[in-house]
Amino acid sequence: MSNVKNYTEQGGEKTIIGGSLDIVEGGKLLFNGAEAKPAVSQADSTAADVASLVTDFNALLAKLKTAGLMNAE
């Protein structure tokens, strides 16, 4: 057993991050070749009815898709 927090298992199939992963300027996080970025902030919902809540929720989904954190259909 190692005392290293971040390591790649033998064979390279799995990387363990037990500490921090710091992606510095110029670095990218890719999922299937698409860059993942932090999502734009979504304001807390103040919806008073279901239709307004659906609108707020769909806005959140759109932001997650734009950021590459959710696959677009």
C-alpha atoms as a PDB file:
ATOM      1  CA  MET A   1       0.000   0.000   0.000  1.00  0.00           C
ATOM      2  CA  SER A   2       1.239   3.453  -0.880  1.00  0.00           C
ATOM      3  CA  ASN A   3       0.922   6.732   0.985  1.00  0.00           C
ATOM      4  CA  VAL A   4       0.497   8.596  -2.319  1.00  0.00           C
ATOM      5  CA  LYS A   5      -2.977  10.139  -2.712  1.00  0.00           C
ATOM      6  CA  ASN A   6      -2.952  10.540  -6.505  1.00  0.00           C
ATOM      7  CA  TYR A   7      -1.773   7.627  -8.638  1.00  0.00           C
ATOM      8  CA  THR A   8      -2.452   5.539 -11.710  1.00  0.00           C
ATOM      9  CA  GLU A   9      -2.951   1.842 -11.101  1.00  0.00           C
ATOM     10  CA  GLN A  10      -0.661  -0.618 -12.815  1.00  0.00           C
ATOM     11  CA  GLY A  11      -1.663  -0.995 -16.434  1.00  0.00           C
ATOM     12  CA  GLY A  12      -2.964   2.581 -16.654  1.00  0.00           C
ATOM     13  CA  GLU A  13      -6.664   1.669 -16.695  1.00  0.00           C
ATOM     14  CA  LYS A  14      -7.587   3.651 -13.582  1.00  0.00           C
ATOM     15  CA  THR A  15      -6.323   6.862 -11.980  1.00  0.00           C
ATOM     16  CA  ILE A  16      -7.120   7.575  -8.335  1.00  0.00           C
ATOM     17  CA  ILE A  17      -7.423  11.169  -7.130  1.00  0.00           C
ATOM     18  CA  GLY A  18      -7.338  11.221  -3.346  1.00  0.00           C
ATOM     19  CA  GLY A  19      -5.935  14.730  -3.210  1.00  0.00           C
ATOM     20  CA  SER A  20      -6.530  17.569  -5.646  1.00  0.00           C
ATOM     21  CA  LEU A  21      -6.618  17.703  -9.423  1.00  0.00           C
ATOM     22  CA  ASP A  22      -5.573  21.203 -10.451  1.00  0.00           C
ATOM     23  CA  ILE A  23      -6.127  21.999 -14.115  1.00  0.00           C
ATOM     24  CA  VAL A  24      -3.955  25.032 -14.764  1.00  0.00           C
ATOM     25  CA  GLU A  25      -4.112  27.619 -17.560  1.00  0.00           C
ATOM     26  CA  GLY A  26      -4.176  25.889 -20.912  1.00  0.00           C
ATOM     27  CA  GLY A  27      -5.240  22.549 -19.424  1.00  0.00           C
ATOM     28  CA  LYS A  28      -8.514  20.885 -20.384  1.00  0.00           C
ATOM     29  CA  LEU A  29     -10.805  18.205 -18.994  1.00  0.00           C
ATOM     30  CA  LEU A  30     -12.258  16.128 -21.826  1.00  0.00           C
ATOM     31  CA  PHE A  31     -15.130  13.630 -21.889  1.00  0.00           C
ATOM     32  CA  ASN A  32     -15.168  11.639 -25.126  1.00  0.00           C
ATOM     33  CA  GLY A  33     -13.243  14.452 -26.799  1.00  0.00           C
ATOM     34  CA  ALA A  34     -15.598  17.229 -25.656  1.00  0.00           C
ATOM     35  CA  GLU A  35     -14.248  19.811 -23.230  1.00  0.00           C
ATOM     36  CA  ALA A  36     -16.002  20.038 -19.847  1.00  0.00           C
ATOM     37  CA  LYS A  37     -16.090  23.488 -18.288  1.00  0.00           C
ATOM     38  CA  PRO A  38     -17.690  24.862 -15.134  1.00  0.00           C
ATOM     39  CA  ALA A  39     -21.373  25.530 -15.766  1.00  0.00           C
ATOM     40  CA  VAL A  40     -22.684  29.085 -15.718  1.00  0.00           C
ATOM     41  CA  SER A  41     -24.381  29.888 -12.416  1.00  0.00           C
ATOM     42  CA  GLN A  42     -28.104  29.178 -12.151  1.00  0.00           C
ATOM     43  CA  ALA A  43     -30.074  31.410  -9.803  1.00  0.00           C
ATOM     44  CA  ASP A  44     -32.155  29.752  -7.111  1.00  0.00           C
ATOM     45  CA  SER A  45     -35.669  29.130  -8.313  1.00  0.00           C
ATOM     46  CA  THR A  46     -38.426  31.327  -6.947  1.00  0.00           C
ATOM     47  CA  ALA A  47     -41.074  29.596  -9.058  1.00  0.00           C
ATOM     48  CA  ALA A  48     -44.594  29.892  -7.732  1.00  0.00           C
ATOM     49  CA  ASP A  49     -46.065  27.296 -10.075  1.00  0.00           C
ATOM     50  CA  VAL A  50     -45.035  24.157 -11.930  1.00  0.00           C
ATOM     51  CA  ALA A  51     -44.728  25.888 -15.306  1.00  0.00           C
ATOM     52  CA  SER A  52     -42.229  28.395 -13.894  1.00  0.00           C
ATOM     53  CA  LEU A  53     -40.293  25.606 -12.184  1.00  0.00           C
ATOM     54  CA  VAL A  54     -40.077  23.718 -15.498  1.00  0.00           C
ATOM     55  CA  THR A  55     -38.644  26.867 -17.104  1.00  0.00           C
ATOM     56  CA  ASP A  56     -36.016  27.205 -14.347  1.00  0.00           C
ATOM     57  CA  PHE A  57     -35.127  23.516 -14.546  1.00  0.00           C
ATOM     58  CA  ASN A  58     -34.771  23.610 -18.330  1.00  0.00           C
ATOM     59  CA  ALA A  59     -32.456  26.622 -18.001  1.00  0.00           C
ATOM     60  CA  LEU A  60     -30.266  24.577 -15.640  1.00  0.00           C
ATOM     61  CA  LEU A  61     -30.207  21.629 -18.048  1.00  0.00           C
ATOM     62  CA  ALA A  62     -29.187  23.926 -20.913  1.00  0.00           C
ATOM     63  CA  LYS A  63     -26.295  25.328 -18.858  1.00  0.00           C
ATOM     64  CA  LEU A  64     -25.070  21.843 -17.942  1.00  0.00           C
ATOM     65  CA  LYS A  65     -25.189  20.782 -21.609  1.00  0.00           C
ATOM     66  CA  THR A  66     -23.377  23.931 -22.758  1.00  0.00           C
ATOM     67  CA  ALA A  67     -20.639  23.318 -20.193  1.00  0.00           C
ATOM     68  CA  GLY A  68     -20.167  19.767 -21.446  1.00  0.00           C
ATOM     69  CA  LEU A  69     -21.286  18.269 -18.141  1.00  0.00           C
ATOM     70  CA  MET A  70     -24.329  16.584 -19.683  1.00  0.00           C
ATOM     71  CA  ASN A  71     -24.703  15.064 -23.125  1.00  0.00           C
ATOM     72  CA  ALA A  72     -26.963  16.982 -25.482  1.00  0.00           C
ATOM     73  CA  GLU A  73     -29.426  14.792 -27.379  1.00  0.00           C
END
